[in-house]
Amino acid sequence: MASITIRNLEDEIKQRLRVRAAEHGRSMEEEARDILRRVMGGGAPPRNLAAAIRARVAPSDRVDLDLPAREPMRAPPQFGRGK
């Protein structure tokens, strides 16, 4: 297994990690591993951007809107030479 060192970690973050670890009855190192597992364990990111967007906007999340009827195009203006 690999190991990492985290430098320049803010004191507040370290304190919050210490408290969270104590709440869960484990070491700060194990708490950090658990956080990383949960955040990174969601599987590989989709390779196709379009597929990722389609998955994000599932059919159940869509809303059907009533579109107004189209009107015929207006005739373009006629510009003539002035006299």
PDB file of N, CA and C in Angstrom:
ATOM      1  N   MET A   1       0.836  -1.175   0.000  1.00  0.00           N
ATOM      2  CA  MET A   1       0.000   0.000   0.000  1.00  0.00           C
ATOM      3  C   MET A   1       0.886   1.245   0.000  1.00  0.00           C
ATOM      4  N   ALA A   2       0.357   2.296  -0.561  1.00  0.00           N
ATOM      5  CA  ALA A   2       1.091   3.550  -0.642  1.00  0.00           C
ATOM      6  C   ALA A   2       0.796   4.419   0.576  1.00  0.00           C
ATOM      7  N   SER A   3       1.677   5.360   0.818  1.00  0.00           N
ATOM      8  CA  SER A   3       1.441   6.327   1.885  1.00  0.00           C
ATOM      9  C   SER A   3       1.684   7.719   1.335  1.00  0.00           C
ATOM     10  N   ILE A   4       1.029   8.708   1.936  1.00  0.00           N
ATOM     11  CA  ILE A   4       1.199  10.094   1.508  1.00  0.00           C
ATOM     12  C   ILE A   4       1.444  10.963   2.728  1.00  0.00           C
ATOM     13  N   THR A   5       2.051  12.105   2.488  1.00  0.00           N
ATOM     14  CA  THR A   5       2.243  13.119   3.517  1.00  0.00           C
ATOM     15  C   THR A   5       1.527  14.365   3.042  1.00  0.00           C
ATOM     16  N   ILE A   6       0.756  14.963   3.919  1.00  0.00           N
ATOM     17  CA  ILE A   6       0.038  16.186   3.564  1.00  0.00           C
ATOM     18  C   ILE A   6       0.704  17.343   4.288  1.00  0.00           C
ATOM     19  N   ARG A   7       1.318  18.225   3.531  1.00  0.00           N
ATOM     20  CA  ARG A   7       2.006  19.375   4.100  1.00  0.00           C
ATOM     21  C   ARG A   7       1.100  20.599   4.042  1.00  0.00           C
ATOM     22  N   ASN A   8       1.414  21.575   4.876  1.00  0.00           N
ATOM     23  CA  ASN A   8       0.717  22.870   4.893  1.00  0.00           C
ATOM     24  C   ASN A   8      -0.787  22.726   5.115  1.00  0.00           C
ATOM     25  N   LEU A   9      -1.167  21.782   5.960  1.00  0.00           N
ATOM     26  CA  LEU A   9      -2.572  21.605   6.311  1.00  0.00           C
ATOM     27  C   LEU A   9      -2.927  22.628   7.385  1.00  0.00           C
ATOM     28  N   GLU A  10      -4.000  23.358   7.167  1.00  0.00           N
ATOM     29  CA  GLU A  10      -4.401  24.389   8.111  1.00  0.00           C
ATOM     30  C   GLU A  10      -4.706  23.758   9.470  1.00  0.00           C
ATOM     31  N   ASP A  11      -4.385  24.486  10.539  1.00  0.00           N
ATOM     32  CA  ASP A  11      -4.618  23.986  11.895  1.00  0.00           C
ATOM     33  C   ASP A  11      -6.087  23.676  12.138  1.00  0.00           C
ATOM     34  N   GLU A  12      -6.982  24.507  11.597  1.00  0.00           N
ATOM     35  CA  GLU A  12      -8.415  24.294  11.791  1.00  0.00           C
ATOM     36  C   GLU A  12      -8.857  22.968  11.179  1.00  0.00           C
ATOM     37  N   ILE A  13      -8.354  22.663   9.988  1.00  0.00           N
ATOM     38  CA  ILE A  13      -8.714  21.408   9.321  1.00  0.00           C
ATOM     39  C   ILE A  13      -8.195  20.221  10.138  1.00  0.00           C
ATOM     40  N   LYS A  14      -6.966  20.338  10.625  1.00  0.00           N
ATOM     41  CA  LYS A  14      -6.396  19.258  11.428  1.00  0.00           C
ATOM     42  C   LYS A  14      -7.219  19.043  12.695  1.00  0.00           C
ATOM     43  N   GLN A  15      -7.625  20.122  13.332  1.00  0.00           N
ATOM     44  CA  GLN A  15      -8.430  20.017  14.553  1.00  0.00           C
ATOM     45  C   GLN A  15      -9.784  19.377  14.259  1.00  0.00           C
ATOM     46  N   ARG A  16     -10.409  19.786  13.161  1.00  0.00           N
ATOM     47  CA  ARG A  16     -11.701  19.206  12.788  1.00  0.00           C
ATOM     48  C   ARG A  16     -11.572  17.720  12.474  1.00  0.00           C
ATOM     49  N   LEU A  17     -10.473  17.332  11.840  1.00  0.00           N
ATOM     50  CA  LEU A  17     -10.223  15.921  11.561  1.00  0.00           C
ATOM     51  C   LEU A  17     -10.022  15.151  12.856  1.00  0.00           C
ATOM     52  N   ARG A  18      -9.293  15.748  13.796  1.00  0.00           N
ATOM     53  CA  ARG A  18      -9.057  15.106  15.088  1.00  0.00           C
ATOM     54  C   ARG A  18     -10.382  14.876  15.824  1.00  0.00           C
ATOM     55  N   VAL A  19     -11.251  15.893  15.832  1.00  0.00           N
ATOM     56  CA  VAL A  19     -12.549  15.776  16.513  1.00  0.00           C
ATOM     57  C   VAL A  19     -13.415  14.731  15.826  1.00  0.00           C
ATOM     58  N   ARG A  20     -13.446  14.776  14.511  1.00  0.00           N
ATOM     59  CA  ARG A  20     -14.263  13.816  13.752  1.00  0.00           C
ATOM     60  C   ARG A  20     -13.788  12.382  13.982  1.00  0.00           C
ATOM     61  N   ALA A  21     -12.473  12.200  14.010  1.00  0.00           N
ATOM     62  CA  ALA A  21     -11.917  10.872  14.259  1.00  0.00           C
ATOM     63  C   ALA A  21     -12.309  10.386  15.653  1.00  0.00           C
ATOM     64  N   ALA A  22     -12.230  11.274  16.634  1.00  0.00           N
ATOM     65  CA  ALA A  22     -12.601  10.899  18.004  1.00  0.00           C
ATOM     66  C   ALA A  22     -14.077  10.534  18.080  1.00  0.00           C
ATOM     67  N   GLU A  23     -14.916  11.266  17.368  1.00  0.00           N
ATOM     68  CA  GLU A  23     -16.343  10.964  17.358  1.00  0.00           C
ATOM     69  C   GLU A  23     -16.620   9.572  16.801  1.00  0.00           C
ATOM     70  N   HIS A  24     -15.806   9.158  15.842  1.00  0.00           N
ATOM     71  CA  HIS A  24     -15.980   7.844  15.221  1.00  0.00           C
ATOM     72  C   HIS A  24     -15.118   6.770  15.890  1.00  0.00           C
ATOM     73  N   GLY A  25     -14.378   7.138  16.919  1.00  0.00           N
ATOM     74  CA  GLY A  25     -13.572   6.169  17.662  1.00  0.00           C
ATOM     75  C   GLY A  25     -12.415   5.598  16.877  1.00  0.00           C
ATOM     76  N   ARG A  26     -11.746   6.419  16.082  1.00  0.00           N
ATOM     77  CA  ARG A  26     -10.598   5.938  15.315  1.00  0.00           C
ATOM     78  C   ARG A  26      -9.524   7.002  15.241  1.00  0.00           C
ATOM     79  N   SER A  27      -8.391   6.630  14.698  1.00  0.00           N
ATOM     80  CA  SER A  27      -7.279   7.562  14.588  1.00  0.00           C
ATOM     81  C   SER A  27      -7.542   8.579  13.483  1.00  0.00           C
ATOM     82  N   MET A  28      -6.781   9.669  13.520  1.00  0.00           N
ATOM     83  CA  MET A  28      -6.915  10.678  12.457  1.00  0.00           C
ATOM     84  C   MET A  28      -6.548  10.074  11.108  1.00  0.00           C
ATOM     85  N   GLU A  29      -5.541   9.224  11.103  1.00  0.00           N
ATOM     86  CA  GLU A  29      -5.106   8.596   9.857  1.00  0.00           C
ATOM     87  C   GLU A  29      -6.214   7.713   9.277  1.00  0.00           C
ATOM     88  N   GLU A  30      -6.852   6.914  10.127  1.00  0.00           N
ATOM     89  CA  GLU A  30      -7.947   6.058   9.654  1.00  0.00           C
ATOM     90  C   GLU A  30      -9.136   6.900   9.206  1.00  0.00           C
ATOM     91  N   GLU A  31      -9.395   7.986   9.906  1.00  0.00           N
ATOM     92  CA  GLU A  31     -10.491   8.877   9.506  1.00  0.00           C
ATOM     93  C   GLU A  31     -10.210   9.481   8.132  1.00  0.00           C
ATOM     94  N   ALA A  32      -8.979   9.909   7.914  1.00  0.00           N
ATOM     95  CA  ALA A  32      -8.604  10.465   6.604  1.00  0.00           C
ATOM     96  C   ALA A  32      -8.747   9.407   5.512  1.00  0.00           C
ATOM     97  N   ARG A  33      -8.338   8.160   5.802  1.00  0.00           N
ATOM     98  CA  ARG A  33      -8.493   7.077   4.819  1.00  0.00           C
ATOM     99  C   ARG A  33      -9.963   6.865   4.494  1.00  0.00           C
ATOM    100  N   ASP A  34     -10.815   6.872   5.533  1.00  0.00           N
ATOM    101  CA  ASP A  34     -12.245   6.667   5.312  1.00  0.00           C
ATOM    102  C   ASP A  34     -12.835   7.779   4.449  1.00  0.00           C
ATOM    103  N   ILE A  35     -12.454   9.015   4.733  1.00  0.00           N
ATOM    104  CA  ILE A  35     -12.939  10.151   3.934  1.00  0.00           C
ATOM    105  C   ILE A  35     -12.506   9.989   2.486  1.00  0.00           C
ATOM    106  N   LEU A  36     -11.250   9.648   2.263  1.00  0.00           N
ATOM    107  CA  LEU A  36     -10.748   9.472   0.895  1.00  0.00           C
ATOM    108  C   LEU A  36     -11.448   8.314   0.194  1.00  0.00           C
ATOM    109  N   ARG A  37     -11.674   7.208   0.899  1.00  0.00           N
ATOM    110  CA  ARG A  37     -12.384   6.074   0.293  1.00  0.00           C
ATOM    111  C   ARG A  37     -13.780   6.474  -0.152  1.00  0.00           C
ATOM    112  N   ARG A  38     -14.495   7.190   0.724  1.00  0.00           N
ATOM    113  CA  ARG A  38     -15.867   7.577   0.384  1.00  0.00           C
ATOM    114  C   ARG A  38     -15.898   8.563  -0.779  1.00  0.00           C
ATOM    115  N   VAL A  39     -14.975   9.512  -0.783  1.00  0.00           N
ATOM    116  CA  VAL A  39     -14.975  10.522  -1.850  1.00  0.00           C
ATOM    117  C   VAL A  39     -14.500   9.924  -3.176  1.00  0.00           C
ATOM    118  N   MET A  40     -13.473   9.115  -3.131  1.00  0.00           N
ATOM    119  CA  MET A  40     -12.886   8.585  -4.363  1.00  0.00           C
ATOM    120  C   MET A  40     -13.494   7.256  -4.791  1.00  0.00           C
ATOM    121  N   GLY A  41     -14.271   6.626  -3.947  1.00  0.00           N
ATOM    122  CA  GLY A  41     -14.779   5.289  -4.238  1.00  0.00           C
ATOM    123  C   GLY A  41     -15.977   5.241  -5.146  1.00  0.00           C
ATOM    124  N   GLY A  42     -16.394   6.366  -5.704  1.00  0.00           N
ATOM    125  CA  GLY A  42     -17.581   6.400  -6.555  1.00  0.00           C
ATOM    126  C   GLY A  42     -17.394   5.773  -7.911  1.00  0.00           C
ATOM    127  N   GLY A  43     -16.256   5.196  -8.187  1.00  0.00           N
ATOM    128  CA  GLY A  43     -15.998   4.601  -9.498  1.00  0.00           C
ATOM    129  C   GLY A  43     -15.263   5.572 -10.390  1.00  0.00           C
ATOM    130  N   ALA A  44     -14.898   5.090 -11.538  1.00  0.00           N
ATOM    131  CA  ALA A  44     -14.156   5.913 -12.494  1.00  0.00           C
ATOM    132  C   ALA A  44     -15.087   6.957 -13.103  1.00  0.00           C
ATOM    133  N   PRO A  45     -14.579   8.158 -13.335  1.00  0.00           N
ATOM    134  CA  PRO A  45     -15.415   9.174 -13.973  1.00  0.00           C
ATOM    135  C   PRO A  45     -15.746   8.761 -15.411  1.00  0.00           C
ATOM    136  N   PRO A  46     -16.896   9.169 -15.914  1.00  0.00           N
ATOM    137  CA  PRO A  46     -17.255   8.821 -17.292  1.00  0.00           C
ATOM    138  C   PRO A  46     -16.238   9.386 -18.274  1.00  0.00           C
ATOM    139  N   ARG A  47     -15.969   8.616 -19.296  1.00  0.00           N
ATOM    140  CA  ARG A  47     -14.999   9.063 -20.304  1.00  0.00           C
ATOM    141  C   ARG A  47     -15.638   9.982 -21.332  1.00  0.00           C
ATOM    142  N   ASN A  48     -16.937   9.866 -21.490  1.00  0.00           N
ATOM    143  CA  ASN A  48     -17.641  10.610 -22.522  1.00  0.00           C
ATOM    144  C   ASN A  48     -18.424  11.744 -21.857  1.00  0.00           C
ATOM    145  N   LEU A  49     -18.117  12.983 -22.195  1.00  0.00           N
ATOM    146  CA  LEU A  49     -18.787  14.134 -21.586  1.00  0.00           C
ATOM    147  C   LEU A  49     -20.285  14.128 -21.872  1.00  0.00           C
ATOM    148  N   ALA A  50     -20.675  13.791 -23.089  1.00  0.00           N
ATOM    149  CA  ALA A  50     -22.099  13.765 -23.435  1.00  0.00           C
ATOM    150  C   ALA A  50     -22.840  12.725 -22.594  1.00  0.00           C
ATOM    151  N   ALA A  51     -22.232  11.560 -22.394  1.00  0.00           N
ATOM    152  CA  ALA A  51     -22.859  10.520 -21.568  1.00  0.00           C
ATOM    153  C   ALA A  51     -22.971  10.980 -20.121  1.00  0.00           C
ATOM    154  N   ALA A  52     -21.975  11.689 -19.647  1.00  0.00           N
ATOM    155  CA  ALA A  52     -22.014  12.196 -18.270  1.00  0.00           C
ATOM    156  C   ALA A  52     -23.143  13.207 -18.105  1.00  0.00           C
ATOM    157  N   ILE A  53     -23.322  14.070 -19.090  1.00  0.00           N
ATOM    158  CA  ILE A  53     -24.397  15.064 -19.032  1.00  0.00           C
ATOM    159  C   ILE A  53     -25.748  14.371 -19.094  1.00  0.00           C
ATOM    160  N   ARG A  54     -25.894  13.387 -19.998  1.00  0.00           N
ATOM    161  CA  ARG A  54     -27.156  12.657 -20.102  1.00  0.00           C
ATOM    162  C   ARG A  54     -27.485  11.938 -18.798  1.00  0.00           C
ATOM    163  N   ALA A  55     -26.483  11.344 -18.170  1.00  0.00           N
ATOM    164  CA  ALA A  55     -26.709  10.641 -16.904  1.00  0.00           C
ATOM    165  C   ALA A  55     -27.109  11.616 -15.809  1.00  0.00           C
ATOM    166  N   ARG A  56     -26.541  12.804 -15.854  1.00  0.00           N
ATOM    167  CA  ARG A  56     -26.844  13.810 -14.835  1.00  0.00           C
ATOM    168  C   ARG A  56     -28.263  14.344 -14.973  1.00  0.00           C
ATOM    169  N   VAL A  57     -28.713  14.475 -16.219  1.00  0.00           N
ATOM    170  CA  VAL A  57     -30.056  14.984 -16.491  1.00  0.00           C
ATOM    171  C   VAL A  57     -30.907  13.788 -16.908  1.00  0.00           C
ATOM    172  N   ALA A  58     -31.267  12.977 -15.948  1.00  0.00           N
ATOM    173  CA  ALA A  58     -32.041  11.760 -16.210  1.00  0.00           C
ATOM    174  C   ALA A  58     -33.441  12.114 -16.696  1.00  0.00           C
ATOM    175  N   PRO A  59     -34.074  11.208 -17.440  1.00  0.00           N
ATOM    176  CA  PRO A  59     -35.425  11.494 -17.948  1.00  0.00           C
ATOM    177  C   PRO A  59     -36.428  11.846 -16.850  1.00  0.00           C
ATOM    178  N   SER A  60     -36.278  11.288 -15.680  1.00  0.00           N
ATOM    179  CA  SER A  60     -37.228  11.594 -14.608  1.00  0.00           C
ATOM    180  C   SER A  60     -37.085  13.025 -14.109  1.00  0.00           C
ATOM    181  N   ASP A  61     -35.973  13.662 -14.407  1.00  0.00           N
ATOM    182  CA  ASP A  61     -35.744  15.037 -13.962  1.00  0.00           C
ATOM    183  C   ASP A  61     -36.210  16.068 -14.983  1.00  0.00           C
ATOM    184  N   ARG A  62     -36.663  15.613 -16.123  1.00  0.00           N
ATOM    185  CA  ARG A  62     -37.025  16.549 -17.191  1.00  0.00           C
ATOM    186  C   ARG A  62     -38.419  17.117 -16.983  1.00  0.00           C
ATOM    187  N   VAL A  63     -38.634  18.265 -17.589  1.00  0.00           N
ATOM    188  CA  VAL A  63     -39.934  18.933 -17.550  1.00  0.00           C
ATOM    189  C   VAL A  63     -40.343  19.192 -18.994  1.00  0.00           C
ATOM    190  N   ASP A  64     -41.558  18.800 -19.340  1.00  0.00           N
ATOM    191  CA  ASP A  64     -42.059  19.076 -20.684  1.00  0.00           C
ATOM    192  C   ASP A  64     -42.715  20.452 -20.684  1.00  0.00           C
ATOM    193  N   LEU A  65     -42.288  21.280 -21.588  1.00  0.00           N
ATOM    194  CA  LEU A  65     -42.822  22.636 -21.693  1.00  0.00           C
ATOM    195  C   LEU A  65     -43.697  22.741 -22.936  1.00  0.00           C
ATOM    196  N   ASP A  66     -44.778  23.476 -22.831  1.00  0.00           N
ATOM    197  CA  ASP A  66     -45.624  23.748 -23.988  1.00  0.00           C
ATOM    198  C   ASP A  66     -44.982  24.881 -24.782  1.00  0.00           C
ATOM    199  N   LEU A  67     -44.649  24.590 -26.022  1.00  0.00           N
ATOM    200  CA  LEU A  67     -44.034  25.599 -26.873  1.00  0.00           C
ATOM    201  C   LEU A  67     -45.113  26.324 -27.665  1.00  0.00           C
ATOM    202  N   PRO A  68     -45.006  27.628 -27.778  1.00  0.00           N
ATOM    203  CA  PRO A  68     -46.003  28.364 -28.560  1.00  0.00           C
ATOM    204  C   PRO A  68     -45.878  28.023 -30.045  1.00  0.00           C
ATOM    205  N   ALA A  69     -46.998  28.116 -30.751  1.00  0.00           N
ATOM    206  CA  ALA A  69     -46.991  27.841 -32.189  1.00  0.00           C
ATOM    207  C   ALA A  69     -46.148  28.897 -32.900  1.00  0.00           C
ATOM    208  N   ARG A  70     -45.485  28.460 -33.947  1.00  0.00           N
ATOM    209  CA  ARG A  70     -44.668  29.398 -34.716  1.00  0.00           C
ATOM    210  C   ARG A  70     -45.541  30.222 -35.642  1.00  0.00           C
ATOM    211  N   GLU A  71     -45.158  31.466 -35.795  1.00  0.00           N
ATOM    212  CA  GLU A  71     -45.866  32.345 -36.717  1.00  0.00           C
ATOM    213  C   GLU A  71     -45.094  32.357 -38.029  1.00  0.00           C
ATOM    214  N   PRO A  72     -45.805  32.654 -39.130  1.00  0.00           N
ATOM    215  CA  PRO A  72     -45.083  32.711 -40.403  1.00  0.00           C
ATOM    216  C   PRO A  72     -44.045  33.845 -40.378  1.00  0.00           C
ATOM    217  N   MET A  73     -42.997  33.658 -41.152  1.00  0.00           N
ATOM    218  CA  MET A  73     -41.958  34.681 -41.210  1.00  0.00           C
ATOM    219  C   MET A  73     -42.492  35.946 -41.862  1.00  0.00           C
ATOM    220  N   ARG A  74     -42.040  37.058 -41.355  1.00  0.00           N
ATOM    221  CA  ARG A  74     -42.416  38.330 -41.963  1.00  0.00           C
ATOM    222  C   ARG A  74     -41.601  38.536 -43.232  1.00  0.00           C
ATOM    223  N   ALA A  75     -42.185  39.305 -44.133  1.00  0.00           N
ATOM    224  CA  ALA A  75     -41.440  39.635 -45.366  1.00  0.00           C
ATOM    225  C   ALA A  75     -40.295  40.559 -44.986  1.00  0.00           C
ATOM    226  N   PRO A  76     -39.145  40.363 -45.612  1.00  0.00           N
ATOM    227  CA  PRO A  76     -38.021  41.246 -45.299  1.00  0.00           C
ATOM    228  C   PRO A  76     -38.302  42.666 -45.779  1.00  0.00           C
ATOM    229  N   PRO A  77     -37.741  43.641 -45.118  1.00  0.00           N
ATOM    230  CA  PRO A  77     -37.989  45.031 -45.541  1.00  0.00           C
ATOM    231  C   PRO A  77     -37.371  45.277 -46.924  1.00  0.00           C
ATOM    232  N   GLN A  78     -37.989  46.133 -47.655  1.00  0.00           N
ATOM    233  CA  GLN A  78     -37.518  46.515 -48.980  1.00  0.00           C
ATOM    234  C   GLN A  78     -36.841  47.865 -48.871  1.00  0.00           C
ATOM    235  N   PHE A  79     -35.597  47.896 -49.177  1.00  0.00           N
ATOM    236  CA  PHE A  79     -34.833  49.149 -49.146  1.00  0.00           C
ATOM    237  C   PHE A  79     -34.603  49.573 -50.586  1.00  0.00           C
ATOM    238  N   GLY A  80     -35.124  50.736 -50.901  1.00  0.00           N
ATOM    239  CA  GLY A  80     -34.934  51.223 -52.242  1.00  0.00           C
ATOM    240  C   GLY A  80     -34.045  52.458 -52.240  1.00  0.00           C
ATOM    241  N   ARG A  81     -33.639  52.832 -53.390  1.00  0.00           N
ATOM    242  CA  ARG A  81     -32.818  54.037 -53.487  1.00  0.00           C
ATOM    243  C   ARG A  81     -33.724  55.255 -53.430  1.00  0.00           C
ATOM    244  N   GLY A  82     -33.315  56.199 -52.636  1.00  0.00           N
ATOM    245  CA  GLY A  82     -34.082  57.437 -52.523  1.00  0.00           C
ATOM    246  C   GLY A  82     -33.937  58.300 -53.758  1.00  0.00           C
ATOM    247  N   LYS A  83     -34.911  59.143 -54.031  1.00  0.00           N
ATOM    248  CA  LYS A  83     -34.856  60.001 -55.221  1.00  0.00           C
ATOM    249  C   LYS A  83     -34.291  61.327 -54.919  1.00  0.00           C
TER     250      LYS A  83
END
